[in-house]
Amino acid sequence: MLPFLLLKDPELAIQVSNRALVLLLFIVGYRWGHYTDAPPWRVGLLVMFLGAATVLVAVALGG
Protein backbone atom coordinates (compact mmCIF):
# COMPACT_ATOMS: atom_id res chain seq x y z
CA MET A 1 0.00 0.00 0.00
CA LEU A 2 2.90 2.35 0.58
CA PRO A 3 3.59 3.02 -3.13
CA PHE A 4 -0.06 3.94 -3.64
CA LEU A 5 0.08 6.38 -0.75
CA LEU A 6 3.36 8.00 -1.81
CA LEU A 7 3.03 8.13 -5.60
CA LYS A 8 0.42 10.08 -7.55
CA ASP A 9 0.65 7.99 -10.73
CA PRO A 10 -1.32 4.74 -10.18
CA GLU A 11 0.49 2.83 -12.96
CA LEU A 12 3.89 3.67 -11.50
CA ALA A 13 2.64 2.70 -8.05
CA ILE A 14 1.54 -0.71 -9.38
CA GLN A 15 4.95 -1.28 -10.98
CA VAL A 16 6.79 -0.31 -7.80
CA SER A 17 4.46 -2.50 -5.74
CA ASN A 18 5.00 -5.50 -8.03
CA ARG A 19 8.77 -5.13 -7.93
CA ALA A 20 8.73 -4.84 -4.15
CA LEU A 21 6.56 -7.97 -3.99
CA VAL A 22 9.00 -9.98 -6.10
CA LEU A 23 11.97 -8.80 -4.01
CA LEU A 24 10.20 -9.68 -0.76
CA LEU A 25 9.29 -13.10 -2.14
CA PHE A 26 12.96 -13.76 -2.83
CA ILE A 27 13.90 -12.73 0.71
CA VAL A 28 11.20 -14.94 2.25
CA GLY A 29 12.20 -17.88 0.04
CA TYR A 30 15.86 -17.41 0.92
CA ARG A 31 15.09 -17.46 4.62
CA TRP A 32 12.76 -20.42 4.18
CA GLY A 33 15.63 -22.28 2.51
CA HIS A 34 17.67 -21.93 5.69
CA TYR A 35 14.90 -23.47 7.78
CA THR A 36 14.37 -26.42 5.43
CA ASP A 37 18.09 -27.18 4.89
CA ALA A 38 17.58 -26.62 1.16
CA PRO A 39 19.91 -24.37 -0.83
CA PRO A 40 18.68 -20.87 0.13
CA TRP A 41 19.48 -19.28 -3.23
CA ARG A 42 17.60 -21.97 -5.11
CA VAL A 43 14.54 -21.74 -2.87
CA GLY A 44 14.62 -17.94 -3.01
CA LEU A 45 14.77 -17.93 -6.80
CA LEU A 46 12.03 -20.56 -7.07
CA VAL A 47 9.65 -18.62 -4.85
CA MET A 48 10.54 -15.39 -6.64
CA PHE A 49 9.89 -16.89 -10.09
CA LEU A 50 6.57 -18.35 -8.95
CA GLY A 51 5.56 -14.94 -7.63
CA ALA A 52 6.74 -13.20 -10.80
CA ALA A 53 4.70 -15.65 -12.89
CA THR A 54 1.65 -14.88 -10.77
CA VAL A 55 2.21 -11.14 -11.27
CA LEU A 56 2.58 -11.62 -15.03
CA VAL A 57 -0.69 -13.57 -15.20
CA ALA A 58 -2.47 -10.88 -13.17
CA VAL A 59 -1.10 -8.11 -15.39
CA ALA A 60 -2.06 -10.03 -18.54
CA LEU A 61 -5.60 -10.39 -17.23
CA GLY A 62 -5.83 -6.65 -16.59
CA GLY A 63 -5.02 -6.55 -12.88
C-alpha atoms as a PDB file:
ATOM      1  CA  MET A   1       0.000   0.000   0.000  1.00  0.00           C
ATOM      2  CA  LEU A   2       2.905   2.355   0.580  1.00  0.00           C
ATOM      3  CA  PRO A   3       3.594   3.016  -3.134  1.00  0.00           C
ATOM      4  CA  PHE A   4      -0.061   3.935  -3.642  1.00  0.00           C
ATOM      5  CA  LEU A   5       0.082   6.383  -0.752  1.00  0.00           C
ATOM      6  CA  LEU A   6       3.357   7.998  -1.810  1.00  0.00           C
ATOM      7  CA  LEU A   7       3.029   8.132  -5.602  1.00  0.00           C
ATOM      8  CA  LYS A   8       0.419  10.078  -7.553  1.00  0.00           C
ATOM      9  CA  ASP A   9       0.652   7.988 -10.734  1.00  0.00           C
ATOM     10  CA  PRO A  10      -1.316   4.735 -10.179  1.00  0.00           C
ATOM     11  CA  GLU A  11       0.485   2.834 -12.963  1.00  0.00           C
ATOM     12  CA  LEU A  12       3.887   3.674 -11.501  1.00  0.00           C
ATOM     13  CA  ALA A  13       2.643   2.701  -8.046  1.00  0.00           C
ATOM     14  CA  ILE A  14       1.540  -0.708  -9.377  1.00  0.00           C
ATOM     15  CA  GLN A  15       4.946  -1.279 -10.979  1.00  0.00           C
ATOM     16  CA  VAL A  16       6.791  -0.313  -7.800  1.00  0.00           C
ATOM     17  CA  SER A  17       4.464  -2.496  -5.743  1.00  0.00           C
ATOM     18  CA  ASN A  18       4.995  -5.504  -8.032  1.00  0.00           C
ATOM     19  CA  ARG A  19       8.766  -5.135  -7.930  1.00  0.00           C
ATOM     20  CA  ALA A  20       8.734  -4.839  -4.150  1.00  0.00           C
ATOM     21  CA  LEU A  21       6.564  -7.969  -3.995  1.00  0.00           C
ATOM     22  CA  VAL A  22       8.999  -9.983  -6.097  1.00  0.00           C
ATOM     23  CA  LEU A  23      11.968  -8.800  -4.014  1.00  0.00           C
ATOM     24  CA  LEU A  24      10.202  -9.684  -0.762  1.00  0.00           C
ATOM     25  CA  LEU A  25       9.289 -13.101  -2.140  1.00  0.00           C
ATOM     26  CA  PHE A  26      12.963 -13.763  -2.834  1.00  0.00           C
ATOM     27  CA  ILE A  27      13.899 -12.726   0.708  1.00  0.00           C
ATOM     28  CA  VAL A  28      11.200 -14.940   2.246  1.00  0.00           C
ATOM     29  CA  GLY A  29      12.203 -17.876   0.037  1.00  0.00           C
ATOM     30  CA  TYR A  30      15.858 -17.408   0.916  1.00  0.00           C
ATOM     31  CA  ARG A  31      15.089 -17.457   4.622  1.00  0.00           C
ATOM     32  CA  TRP A  32      12.762 -20.416   4.176  1.00  0.00           C
ATOM     33  CA  GLY A  33      15.627 -22.280   2.511  1.00  0.00           C
ATOM     34  CA  HIS A  34      17.668 -21.929   5.694  1.00  0.00           C
ATOM     35  CA  TYR A  35      14.903 -23.475   7.776  1.00  0.00           C
ATOM     36  CA  THR A  36      14.371 -26.423   5.428  1.00  0.00           C
ATOM     37  CA  ASP A  37      18.089 -27.177   4.893  1.00  0.00           C
ATOM     38  CA  ALA A  38      17.581 -26.615   1.161  1.00  0.00           C
ATOM     39  CA  PRO A  39      19.912 -24.370  -0.830  1.00  0.00           C
ATOM     40  CA  PRO A  40      18.676 -20.874   0.134  1.00  0.00           C
ATOM     41  CA  TRP A  41      19.482 -19.277  -3.234  1.00  0.00           C
ATOM     42  CA  ARG A  42      17.596 -21.968  -5.113  1.00  0.00           C
ATOM     43  CA  VAL A  43      14.541 -21.744  -2.870  1.00  0.00           C
ATOM     44  CA  GLY A  44      14.617 -17.943  -3.007  1.00  0.00           C
ATOM     45  CA  LEU A  45      14.766 -17.929  -6.796  1.00  0.00           C
ATOM     46  CA  LEU A  46      12.029 -20.563  -7.070  1.00  0.00           C
ATOM     47  CA  VAL A  47       9.648 -18.617  -4.847  1.00  0.00           C
ATOM     48  CA  MET A  48      10.541 -15.390  -6.639  1.00  0.00           C
ATOM     49  CA  PHE A  49       9.890 -16.885 -10.090  1.00  0.00           C
ATOM     50  CA  LEU A  50       6.571 -18.355  -8.954  1.00  0.00           C
ATOM     51  CA  GLY A  51       5.560 -14.939  -7.633  1.00  0.00           C
ATOM     52  CA  ALA A  52       6.737 -13.199 -10.804  1.00  0.00           C
ATOM     53  CA  ALA A  53       4.703 -15.655 -12.894  1.00  0.00           C
ATOM     54  CA  THR A  54       1.649 -14.882 -10.773  1.00  0.00           C
ATOM     55  CA  VAL A  55       2.206 -11.144 -11.267  1.00  0.00           C
ATOM     56  CA  LEU A  56       2.577 -11.622 -15.032  1.00  0.00           C
ATOM     57  CA  VAL A  57      -0.689 -13.569 -15.196  1.00  0.00           C
ATOM     58  CA  ALA A  58      -2.471 -10.881 -13.167  1.00  0.00           C
ATOM     59  CA  VAL A  59      -1.104  -8.108 -15.391  1.00  0.00           C
ATOM     60  CA  ALA A  60      -2.056 -10.033 -18.542  1.00  0.00           C
ATOM     61  CA  LEU A  61      -5.604 -10.386 -17.230  1.00  0.00           C
ATOM     62  CA  GLY A  62      -5.829  -6.647 -16.587  1.00  0.00           C
ATOM     63  CA  GLY A  63      -5.019  -6.548 -12.877  1.00  0.00           C
END
